[in-house]
Amino acid sequence: MKIFDREQQVALRVGSMILLGFAGFIVFIWVCGYLPGTIGRTFSLITGFLWTPLIMEPTLALMALMIILVLNHHRRKKEGPELVYLETVDGPEAKQLPPYSRSAAFSEEPQPPSGDEMVATIEGMMAVGDQKEAQRLMLELPSDLLESEEIVAVRLQMAQANSDPNHIRGLSRKLRELNPDHPLLG
């Protein structure tokens, strides 16, 4: 039975190597203090400064922070950005869904739906009776799709649901021009 998985072992090795490298650097400075002449006195002075609590602790903290930032930068270059796109379902319909189905995270930006997908969504909204959402989605459609047969039929259904005779006449005329045999015209 393994205590650590491969990723944890790599992280522990890297962390250990960093600590050993830093400890080796301090020991190197301390040993160089025993060299003869000016070099030895300079390293002895540096060693004295390093062992001073007011200098040693902030220096260690800054070096640790720099190491963390460098490792995080390397990890981000290797794995990519941490940015995710979150889509959630809000409102009363969210209560009908299980908790794990109320949100989804994507590592890449979701592509906007195509015109055909939007038309199918609007038709579905009208089929379930959600006219407000269908109208909102219709406002996002490109103008060339607003004049398509499917959307004119959906607009005619909305006008019939709202009992708007002027819209019904105009949309019926437009739908008759596009498809004289459409079932809504019967």
Protein backbone atom coordinates (compact mmCIF):
# COMPACT_ATOMS: atom_id res chain seq x y z
CA MET A 1 0.00 0.00 0.00
CA LYS A 2 1.40 3.37 -1.02
CA ILE A 3 1.26 6.26 1.41
CA PHE A 4 1.76 8.93 -1.27
CA ASP A 5 0.73 8.90 -4.90
CA ARG A 6 3.14 9.87 -7.68
CA GLU A 7 2.20 13.55 -7.72
CA GLN A 8 2.70 13.85 -3.96
CA GLN A 9 6.06 12.09 -4.15
CA VAL A 10 7.26 14.56 -6.79
CA ALA A 11 6.08 17.50 -4.67
CA LEU A 12 7.84 16.10 -1.59
CA ARG A 13 11.06 15.55 -3.52
CA VAL A 14 11.02 19.06 -4.96
CA GLY A 15 10.31 20.58 -1.54
CA SER A 16 13.06 18.53 0.09
CA MET A 17 15.57 19.52 -2.60
CA ILE A 18 14.71 23.20 -2.12
CA LEU A 19 15.15 22.96 1.66
CA LEU A 20 18.41 21.04 1.31
CA GLY A 21 19.68 23.54 -1.27
CA PHE A 22 18.89 26.47 0.99
CA ALA A 23 20.46 24.75 4.00
CA GLY A 24 23.52 23.94 1.88
CA PHE A 25 23.78 27.59 0.83
CA ILE A 26 23.75 28.75 4.48
CA VAL A 27 26.33 26.10 5.46
CA PHE A 28 28.49 27.20 2.51
CA ILE A 29 28.42 30.82 3.73
CA TRP A 30 29.20 29.67 7.29
CA VAL A 31 32.15 27.49 6.17
CA CYS A 32 33.51 30.28 3.95
CA GLY A 33 33.75 32.38 7.11
CA TYR A 34 36.74 30.24 8.13
CA LEU A 35 38.74 31.21 5.03
CA PRO A 36 41.78 33.36 5.75
CA GLY A 37 41.97 37.09 5.08
CA THR A 38 39.35 39.53 3.88
CA ILE A 39 37.18 36.86 2.27
CA GLY A 40 36.85 34.96 5.55
CA ARG A 41 36.03 38.13 7.49
CA THR A 42 33.42 39.13 4.88
CA PHE A 43 31.71 35.74 5.05
CA SER A 44 31.89 35.83 8.87
CA LEU A 45 30.15 39.21 8.80
CA ILE A 46 27.48 37.84 6.41
CA THR A 47 27.02 34.80 8.69
CA GLY A 48 26.57 37.09 11.69
CA PHE A 49 23.94 39.09 9.83
CA LEU A 50 22.16 35.91 8.70
CA TRP A 51 21.91 34.58 12.25
CA THR A 52 20.40 37.85 13.52
CA PRO A 53 16.68 37.19 14.13
CA LEU A 54 15.60 40.52 12.65
CA ILE A 55 17.30 39.67 9.35
CA MET A 56 17.16 35.86 9.22
CA GLU A 57 13.41 35.42 9.62
CA PRO A 58 12.28 37.99 7.03
CA THR A 59 14.98 36.74 4.64
CA LEU A 60 13.74 33.17 5.03
CA ALA A 61 10.15 34.31 4.56
CA LEU A 62 11.02 36.26 1.39
CA MET A 63 13.05 33.39 -0.02
CA ALA A 64 10.20 30.95 0.69
CA LEU A 65 7.72 33.30 -0.98
CA MET A 66 9.98 33.64 -4.03
CA ILE A 67 10.34 29.86 -4.26
CA ILE A 68 6.57 29.40 -4.04
CA LEU A 69 5.99 32.00 -6.77
CA VAL A 70 8.60 30.44 -9.06
CA LEU A 71 7.17 26.93 -8.57
CA ASN A 72 3.62 28.17 -9.12
CA HIS A 73 4.70 29.99 -12.30
CA HIS A 74 6.36 26.81 -13.56
CA ARG A 75 3.26 24.75 -12.74
CA ARG A 76 0.98 27.23 -14.54
CA LYS A 77 3.17 27.13 -17.64
CA LYS A 78 3.05 23.33 -17.55
CA GLU A 79 -0.63 22.78 -16.69
CA GLY A 80 -2.23 25.92 -18.11
CA PRO A 81 -4.26 28.62 -16.40
CA GLU A 82 -6.52 27.89 -13.47
CA LEU A 83 -9.37 29.92 -14.96
CA VAL A 84 -12.60 27.98 -15.39
CA TYR A 85 -15.99 28.97 -16.71
CA LEU A 86 -18.89 28.18 -14.43
CA GLU A 87 -22.44 27.83 -15.63
CA THR A 88 -25.20 27.54 -13.07
CA VAL A 89 -28.94 27.02 -13.12
CA ASP A 90 -30.76 29.57 -10.97
CA GLY A 91 -34.37 30.20 -10.17
CA PRO A 92 -37.25 27.90 -9.34
CA GLU A 93 -36.21 25.26 -11.89
CA ALA A 94 -32.95 24.71 -9.97
CA LYS A 95 -34.87 23.13 -7.08
CA GLN A 96 -36.14 20.41 -9.42
CA LEU A 97 -32.59 19.36 -10.34
CA PRO A 98 -30.26 17.27 -8.17
CA PRO A 99 -27.52 19.37 -6.49
CA TYR A 100 -24.73 18.00 -8.71
CA SER A 101 -26.68 19.02 -11.86
CA ARG A 102 -27.08 22.68 -10.92
CA SER A 103 -23.66 23.78 -12.12
CA ALA A 104 -20.94 22.82 -14.58
CA ALA A 105 -17.31 23.98 -14.83
CA PHE A 106 -15.46 24.20 -18.15
CA SER A 107 -11.73 24.71 -18.60
CA GLU A 108 -12.27 26.29 -22.02
CA GLU A 109 -14.70 29.08 -22.78
CA PRO A 110 -17.97 27.58 -24.02
CA GLN A 111 -18.82 28.50 -27.59
CA PRO A 112 -22.00 30.51 -28.04
CA PRO A 113 -24.84 28.41 -29.42
CA SER A 114 -25.33 28.40 -33.17
CA GLY A 115 -28.42 29.82 -34.79
CA ASP A 116 -30.02 26.39 -35.21
CA GLU A 117 -29.42 25.59 -31.54
CA MET A 118 -30.97 28.91 -30.53
CA VAL A 119 -34.01 28.24 -32.75
CA ALA A 120 -34.43 24.78 -31.20
CA THR A 121 -34.11 26.26 -27.70
CA ILE A 122 -36.72 28.93 -28.45
CA GLU A 123 -39.10 26.33 -29.88
CA GLY A 124 -38.56 24.22 -26.76
CA MET A 125 -39.28 27.20 -24.50
CA MET A 126 -42.54 27.83 -26.35
CA ALA A 127 -43.44 24.12 -26.13
CA VAL A 128 -43.13 24.18 -22.33
CA GLY A 129 -44.92 27.53 -22.09
CA ASP A 130 -41.99 29.73 -21.04
CA GLN A 131 -42.78 32.71 -23.28
CA LYS A 132 -40.68 35.22 -21.36
CA GLU A 133 -37.51 33.17 -21.76
CA ALA A 134 -38.34 32.52 -25.42
CA GLN A 135 -38.75 36.27 -26.01
CA ARG A 136 -35.47 36.99 -24.24
CA LEU A 137 -33.64 34.42 -26.37
CA MET A 138 -35.30 35.77 -29.50
CA LEU A 139 -33.77 39.18 -28.81
CA GLU A 140 -30.31 37.56 -28.99
CA LEU A 141 -30.92 36.11 -32.46
CA PRO A 142 -29.28 37.64 -35.53
CA SER A 143 -31.70 39.58 -37.71
CA ASP A 144 -31.48 37.13 -40.63
CA LEU A 145 -32.77 34.30 -38.40
CA LEU A 146 -35.74 36.39 -37.20
CA GLU A 147 -37.19 36.14 -40.69
CA SER A 148 -36.71 32.35 -40.96
CA GLU A 149 -39.76 30.11 -41.19
CA GLU A 150 -39.19 28.48 -37.79
CA ILE A 151 -38.85 31.77 -35.90
CA VAL A 152 -41.80 33.37 -37.71
CA ALA A 153 -43.86 30.33 -36.64
CA VAL A 154 -42.70 30.75 -33.04
CA ARG A 155 -43.45 34.48 -33.19
CA LEU A 156 -46.94 33.63 -34.51
CA GLN A 157 -47.45 31.24 -31.56
CA MET A 158 -46.42 34.04 -29.17
CA ALA A 159 -48.81 36.46 -30.82
CA GLN A 160 -51.63 33.89 -30.58
CA ALA A 161 -50.81 33.29 -26.89
CA ASN A 162 -50.90 37.05 -26.25
CA SER A 163 -54.10 37.43 -28.33
CA ASP A 164 -52.57 40.21 -30.43
CA PRO A 165 -54.65 40.38 -33.65
CA ASN A 166 -52.38 42.84 -35.50
CA HIS A 167 -49.31 40.68 -34.95
CA ILE A 168 -51.25 37.53 -35.80
CA ARG A 169 -52.32 38.98 -39.18
CA GLY A 170 -48.85 40.28 -40.05
CA LEU A 171 -47.02 37.12 -38.99
CA SER A 172 -49.60 34.87 -40.69
CA ARG A 173 -49.05 36.79 -43.92
CA LYS A 174 -45.27 36.49 -43.57
CA LEU A 175 -45.49 32.76 -42.75
CA ARG A 176 -47.82 32.21 -45.74
CA GLU A 177 -45.19 33.83 -47.97
CA LEU A 178 -42.46 31.54 -46.59
CA ASN A 179 -44.51 28.31 -46.54
CA PRO A 180 -48.16 28.32 -47.65
CA ASP A 181 -48.66 24.75 -46.31
CA HIS A 182 -47.40 25.43 -42.75
CA PRO A 183 -49.52 23.61 -40.09
CA LEU A 184 -50.09 26.82 -38.07
CA LEU A 185 -51.91 28.39 -41.02
CA GLY A 186 -54.48 25.60 -41.25
